[in-house]
Protein backbone atom coordinates (compact mmCIF):
# COMPACT_ATOMS: atom_id res chain seq x y z
CA MET A 1 61.49 91.35 85.00
CA SER A 2 64.72 90.20 86.81
CA ALA A 3 68.06 89.97 84.87
CA ALA A 4 67.82 86.22 85.03
CA LEU A 5 64.38 86.06 83.38
CA HIS A 6 65.42 88.73 80.92
CA ASP A 7 68.42 86.59 79.78
CA ALA A 8 66.21 83.44 79.58
CA ALA A 9 63.77 85.45 77.36
CA ALA A 10 66.63 86.81 75.17
CA ASP A 11 68.06 83.11 74.82
CA ARG A 12 64.80 81.98 73.76
CA GLN A 13 64.28 84.70 71.11
CA ALA A 14 67.81 83.99 69.82
CA HIS A 15 67.08 80.22 69.66
CA LEU A 16 63.90 80.82 67.75
CA GLY A 17 65.67 83.27 65.52
CA VAL A 18 68.52 80.66 64.66
CA ALA A 19 65.81 77.97 63.93
CA ALA A 20 63.83 80.32 61.69
CA ALA A 21 66.77 81.49 59.76
CA LEU A 22 68.06 78.06 59.38
CA GLY A 23 64.70 76.86 58.22
CA ALA A 24 64.70 79.72 55.73
CA PHE A 25 68.34 79.12 54.31
CA THR A 26 67.70 75.31 54.22
CA ALA A 27 64.59 75.81 52.25
CA TRP A 28 66.36 78.11 49.58
CA GLY A 29 69.26 75.61 49.61
CA LEU A 30 66.94 72.74 48.74
CA GLY A 31 64.83 75.04 46.32
CA PRO A 32 66.55 73.35 43.20
CA LEU A 33 65.03 69.80 44.16
CA TYR A 34 61.56 71.41 43.82
CA PHE A 35 62.25 72.99 40.47
CA LYS A 36 64.07 70.10 39.31
CA ALA A 37 60.75 68.18 39.97
CA VAL A 38 58.73 70.39 37.67
CA ALA A 39 61.62 70.82 34.97
CA PHE A 40 59.25 69.15 32.43
CA VAL A 41 57.11 72.53 32.65
CA PRO A 42 58.45 75.49 30.77
CA ALA A 43 60.29 78.05 33.08
CA LEU A 44 57.79 80.83 32.11
CA GLU A 45 54.93 78.80 33.15
CA VAL A 46 56.53 77.79 36.51
CA LEU A 47 57.28 81.45 37.06
CA ALA A 48 53.62 82.39 36.41
CA HIS A 49 52.61 79.87 38.97
CA ARG A 50 55.08 81.03 41.45
CA ALA A 51 53.77 84.42 41.35
CA LEU A 52 50.16 83.63 41.37
CA TRP A 53 50.20 81.24 44.27
CA SER A 54 52.65 83.36 46.22
CA VAL A 55 50.49 86.43 46.21
CA LEU A 56 47.46 84.35 47.46
CA LEU A 57 49.46 82.98 50.31
CA LEU A 58 51.28 86.22 51.18
CA LEU A 59 47.80 88.02 51.11
CA LEU A 60 46.45 85.49 53.43
CA VAL A 61 49.46 85.86 55.81
CA LEU A 62 49.11 89.49 55.71
CA ALA A 63 45.46 89.43 56.44
CA ALA A 64 46.13 86.88 59.51
CA LEU A 65 48.76 89.41 60.90
CA GLY A 66 46.38 92.21 60.46
CA ARG A 67 48.78 94.27 58.21
CA LEU A 68 46.84 94.53 54.82
CA ARG A 69 45.84 98.06 55.69
CA ARG A 70 49.28 99.06 56.52
CA THR A 71 50.75 97.56 53.36
CA VAL A 72 48.16 99.63 51.29
CA ALA A 73 49.00 102.74 53.09
CA GLN A 74 52.71 102.26 52.51
CA LEU A 75 52.04 102.28 48.78
CA ALA A 76 50.86 105.78 48.95
CA LEU A 77 54.32 106.98 50.28
CA PRO A 78 56.29 109.05 47.74
CA GLY A 79 58.37 106.84 45.51
CA VAL A 80 57.38 103.57 46.93
CA LEU A 81 55.45 102.23 44.05
CA PRO A 82 57.79 103.14 41.38
CA ARG A 83 60.67 101.48 43.29
CA LEU A 84 58.54 98.35 43.80
CA LEU A 85 57.88 98.43 40.06
CA VAL A 86 61.66 98.04 39.71
CA THR A 87 61.95 95.49 42.25
CA THR A 88 59.21 93.53 40.76
CA LEU A 89 61.15 93.41 37.36
CA LEU A 90 64.37 92.44 39.07
CA ILE A 91 62.95 89.57 41.31
CA SER A 92 60.85 88.27 38.51
CA SER A 93 63.74 87.92 35.94
CA ASN A 94 66.00 86.53 38.92
CA TRP A 95 63.22 83.84 39.50
CA LEU A 96 63.11 83.08 35.85
CA VAL A 97 66.69 82.64 35.28
CA PHE A 98 66.99 80.52 38.43
CA ILE A 99 64.27 78.33 37.06
CA TYR A 100 65.88 78.15 33.75
CA ALA A 101 69.25 77.26 35.23
CA VAL A 102 67.87 74.35 37.29
CA ASN A 103 65.99 73.09 34.05
CA SER A 104 69.35 73.40 32.04
CA ALA A 105 71.37 71.55 34.67
CA ARG A 106 73.35 74.48 35.65
CA VAL A 107 72.73 74.58 39.46
CA LEU A 108 76.55 74.85 39.99
CA GLU A 109 76.14 78.30 38.42
CA ILE A 110 73.41 79.10 40.74
CA SER A 111 75.73 78.24 43.63
CA LEU A 112 78.42 80.45 42.31
CA GLY A 113 76.08 83.36 41.72
CA TYR A 114 74.88 83.38 45.45
CA TYR A 115 78.35 82.94 46.78
CA ILE A 116 79.28 86.02 44.63
CA ASN A 117 76.14 88.17 45.91
CA PRO A 118 77.44 89.32 49.27
CA LEU A 119 80.64 90.71 47.48
CA VAL A 120 78.12 92.16 44.96
CA ASN A 121 76.53 93.95 47.85
CA VAL A 122 79.78 95.27 48.88
CA LEU A 123 80.66 96.74 45.41
CA LEU A 124 77.13 98.30 45.25
CA GLY A 125 77.55 99.88 48.52
CA LEU A 126 80.76 101.48 47.25
CA LEU A 127 79.45 102.60 43.90
CA VAL A 128 75.83 103.63 44.80
CA LEU A 129 75.76 104.35 48.67
CA ARG A 130 79.38 105.68 48.67
CA GLU A 131 80.20 103.42 51.51
CA ARG A 132 83.98 103.03 52.34
CA LEU A 133 85.69 99.93 51.25
CA SER A 134 88.14 98.46 53.83
CA LEU A 135 91.47 97.09 52.30
CA PRO A 136 90.24 93.23 53.12
CA ALA A 137 86.91 93.96 51.31
CA ALA A 138 88.60 95.21 48.44
CA LEU A 139 90.91 92.34 48.34
CA ALA A 140 87.95 90.12 48.45
CA VAL A 141 86.04 91.76 45.84
CA ALA A 142 89.20 91.59 43.70
CA LEU A 143 89.63 87.73 44.38
CA ALA A 144 86.07 87.17 43.30
CA ALA A 145 86.53 89.19 40.19
CA ALA A 146 89.64 87.18 39.36
CA GLY A 147 87.66 83.92 39.95
CA VAL A 148 84.84 84.90 37.51
CA ALA A 149 87.34 85.91 34.90
CA ASN A 150 89.17 82.55 35.15
CA LEU A 151 86.07 80.77 34.58
CA ALA A 152 85.14 82.97 31.49
CA TRP A 153 88.76 82.40 30.27
CA GLN A 154 89.14 78.71 30.84
CA THR A 155 85.73 77.72 29.53
CA ALA A 156 85.48 80.23 26.63
CA GLY A 157 82.11 81.34 27.87
CA PHE A 158 80.70 84.18 30.00
CA PRO A 159 79.20 82.98 33.25
CA TRP A 160 76.13 85.00 32.72
CA VAL A 161 73.80 82.99 34.91
CA SER A 162 76.06 83.38 37.95
CA LEU A 163 76.61 87.09 37.27
CA PHE A 164 72.97 87.75 36.51
CA LEU A 165 71.77 86.10 39.70
CA ALA A 166 74.31 87.91 41.72
CA PHE A 167 73.56 91.31 40.29
CA SER A 168 69.91 91.06 40.03
CA PHE A 169 69.56 90.04 43.53
CA GLY A 170 72.08 92.47 44.72
CA ILE A 171 70.36 95.35 42.97
CA TYR A 172 66.97 94.13 44.20
CA GLY A 173 68.34 94.16 47.78
CA LEU A 174 69.70 97.67 47.46
CA VAL A 175 66.39 99.14 46.00
CA ARG A 176 64.42 97.26 48.65
CA LYS A 177 66.66 98.68 51.33
CA LEU A 178 65.93 102.21 50.02
CA THR A 179 62.20 101.59 50.01
CA PRO A 180 60.23 101.94 53.32
CA VAL A 181 58.33 98.66 53.04
CA GLY A 182 58.60 95.50 54.95
CA PRO A 183 59.88 92.16 53.42
CA LEU A 184 56.45 90.52 53.48
CA GLU A 185 54.65 93.38 52.56
CA GLY A 186 56.95 94.25 49.66
CA LEU A 187 56.95 90.79 48.20
CA ALA A 188 53.25 90.68 48.47
CA VAL A 189 52.91 93.79 46.28
CA GLU A 190 55.78 92.47 43.98
CA THR A 191 53.74 89.33 43.20
CA ALA A 192 50.37 91.14 43.13
CA LEU A 193 51.97 93.43 40.26
CA VAL A 194 53.01 90.30 38.37
CA ALA A 195 49.72 88.24 39.16
CA PRO A 196 47.54 89.91 36.39
CA LEU A 197 50.09 88.99 33.79
CA ALA A 198 50.82 85.43 35.25
CA LEU A 199 46.82 84.79 35.30
CA GLY A 200 46.37 86.12 31.66
CA TYR A 201 49.46 83.86 30.52
CA LEU A 202 48.19 80.81 32.46
CA ALA A 203 44.75 81.41 30.76
CA TRP A 204 46.09 81.66 27.25
CA LEU A 205 47.99 78.43 27.78
CA GLY A 206 44.61 76.80 29.16
CA LEU A 207 42.88 78.03 25.84
CA ALA A 208 45.77 76.89 23.78
CA ASP A 209 45.77 73.44 25.55
CA SER A 210 49.30 73.79 26.07
CA GLY A 211 49.33 74.47 29.87
CA HIS A 212 50.17 71.70 32.35
CA PHE A 213 47.90 72.86 35.20
CA ALA A 214 44.87 70.59 35.65
CA ALA A 215 45.63 68.92 32.08
CA ALA A 216 48.72 67.03 33.38
CA GLY A 217 46.82 65.56 36.32
CA LEU A 218 46.25 66.21 39.86
CA GLY A 219 49.96 65.37 41.00
CA VAL A 220 51.26 67.84 38.56
CA SER A 221 48.75 70.58 39.49
CA LEU A 222 49.59 70.17 43.23
CA LEU A 223 53.40 70.57 42.43
CA LEU A 224 52.54 73.80 40.62
CA VAL A 225 50.39 75.16 43.63
CA LEU A 226 53.41 74.26 45.92
CA ALA A 227 55.34 77.11 44.07
CA GLY A 228 53.50 79.43 46.36
CA PRO A 229 54.81 77.97 49.84
CA VAL A 230 58.23 77.25 48.10
CA THR A 231 58.55 81.00 47.64
CA ALA A 232 56.68 82.50 50.61
CA VAL A 233 57.56 80.28 53.59
CA PRO A 234 61.29 80.82 53.57
CA LEU A 235 60.72 84.55 53.39
CA VAL A 236 58.43 84.50 56.43
CA LEU A 237 60.93 82.37 58.29
CA PHE A 238 63.91 84.76 57.15
CA ALA A 239 61.92 87.67 58.33
CA ALA A 240 61.26 85.95 61.72
CA GLY A 241 65.18 85.12 61.97
CA ALA A 242 66.46 88.46 61.04
CA LYS A 243 64.23 90.24 63.62
CA ARG A 244 65.83 88.13 66.36
CA LEU A 245 69.34 87.70 65.31
CA ARG A 246 72.51 89.85 65.16
CA TYR A 247 73.54 90.75 61.44
CA ALA A 248 76.81 88.84 61.69
CA THR A 249 74.93 85.69 62.55
CA ILE A 250 72.70 86.30 59.44
CA GLY A 251 75.79 86.80 57.44
CA PHE A 252 77.34 83.40 58.46
CA LEU A 253 74.00 81.60 57.76
CA GLN A 254 73.46 83.10 54.32
CA TYR A 255 76.29 80.99 53.09
CA LEU A 256 74.26 77.83 53.82
CA ALA A 257 72.10 77.96 50.73
CA PRO A 258 74.72 78.27 48.15
CA SER A 259 76.66 75.54 49.93
CA MET A 260 73.55 73.20 49.51
CA HIS A 261 73.30 74.19 46.03
CA PHE A 262 76.88 73.21 45.45
CA ALA A 263 76.29 69.94 47.03
CA LEU A 264 73.13 69.20 45.07
CA ALA A 265 74.88 70.13 41.86
CA VAL A 266 78.03 67.91 42.40
CA LEU A 267 76.57 64.96 44.50
CA VAL A 268 72.89 64.70 43.28
CA PHE A 269 72.76 65.97 39.88
CA ALA A 270 76.25 64.94 38.88
CA GLU A 271 76.93 68.29 37.06
CA PRO A 272 80.54 68.30 35.84
CA PHE A 273 83.23 69.99 38.29
CA ASP A 274 86.43 70.55 36.44
CA THR A 275 89.62 72.41 37.36
CA ALA A 276 88.45 75.64 36.03
CA GLN A 277 85.56 75.69 38.15
CA LEU A 278 87.47 74.31 41.19
CA VAL A 279 89.85 77.34 40.87
CA THR A 280 87.20 79.84 40.51
CA PHE A 281 85.34 78.44 43.64
CA ALA A 282 88.42 78.47 45.60
CA CYS A 283 88.96 82.25 44.76
CA ILE A 284 85.27 82.82 45.77
CA TRP A 285 85.59 80.86 48.90
CA ALA A 286 88.83 82.50 49.85
CA ALA A 287 87.15 86.01 49.17
CA LEU A 288 84.20 85.06 51.38
CA ALA A 289 86.60 84.00 54.25
CA ILE A 290 88.38 87.39 53.97
CA PHE A 291 85.17 89.22 53.66
CA THR A 292 83.49 87.49 56.78
CA ALA A 293 86.51 87.85 58.88
CA ASP A 294 86.69 91.62 58.21
CA SER A 295 82.94 91.91 58.64
CA LEU A 296 83.24 90.09 62.24
CA ARG A 297 86.40 92.27 63.17
CA ARG A 298 84.39 95.51 62.28
CA HIS A 299 81.39 94.25 64.12
CA ARG A 300 83.25 93.47 67.37
CA ARG A 301 85.14 96.82 67.12
CA LEU A 302 81.60 98.71 66.93
CA ARG A 303 80.18 96.72 69.77
CA ARG A 304 83.39 97.40 72.08
CA GLN A 305 82.86 101.09 71.13
CA ALA A 306 79.14 101.05 71.85
CA SER A 307 79.67 99.48 75.21
CA THR A 308 82.42 101.97 76.04
CA ALA A 309 80.17 104.83 75.21
CA ALA A 310 77.27 103.49 77.24
CA PRO A 311 76.85 105.42 80.64
């Protein structure tokens, strides 16, 4: 292949990667609109539908890709299943709190949580993986902590929704990083582990005539089935994008989702946004700007070193 053809192919892959990643983060950013549409359904019931329809869709995707056998083989690796049991608990509780927060008009807290998440990842890397923390990264973490402390002090309440979402997803990502399973395979196993409980709970609701599936009409049933694609499709897009893009590009795009959560909370759901929250978000945004600039600087330095070392 000539250099020109190679460059053209690389450009196509990069464009596909950007499109896929933008699709994933946009879908995650618009997620509260879906969960607001089913807000009349209790959060635990929505979670059960999310797990059940997700596993069915993910198994179909894996079967179409010919990766079901590989997924089963990965479960036999030492330590994989216990770690996936931990990640199942983490992601299920994260989803439940997310749904509860949307139902309780706390989308602004969701936004704050996912803005904090990259800084939580830095902190976990320091504490668990013994990664070195640069001075700008340390300053970013300190600024984020100050912002959270300000919100707790000014509102006389602990921002538990934001912190739970940030830390549960951060720890989830850390454990998954240490588990030799792909993103699609891992989520398929996680939802499969929850599916029997979800099916049992939905059957119990049906017997008690308190469930919404079928009983509330075709429109509601279709909305609940849609929980599967709402969960699985963004992950498929993200996996496709991450495979084709540089880590720094993904790092920039990841702020799209919480930015959309913020816009939905303030402009669409008309959640109150007072001075205390403004100060906290300003601290978080400043911290993310410092962290992103530092990440880009280190990424460019590593690329220069790699190009210098190349023969």
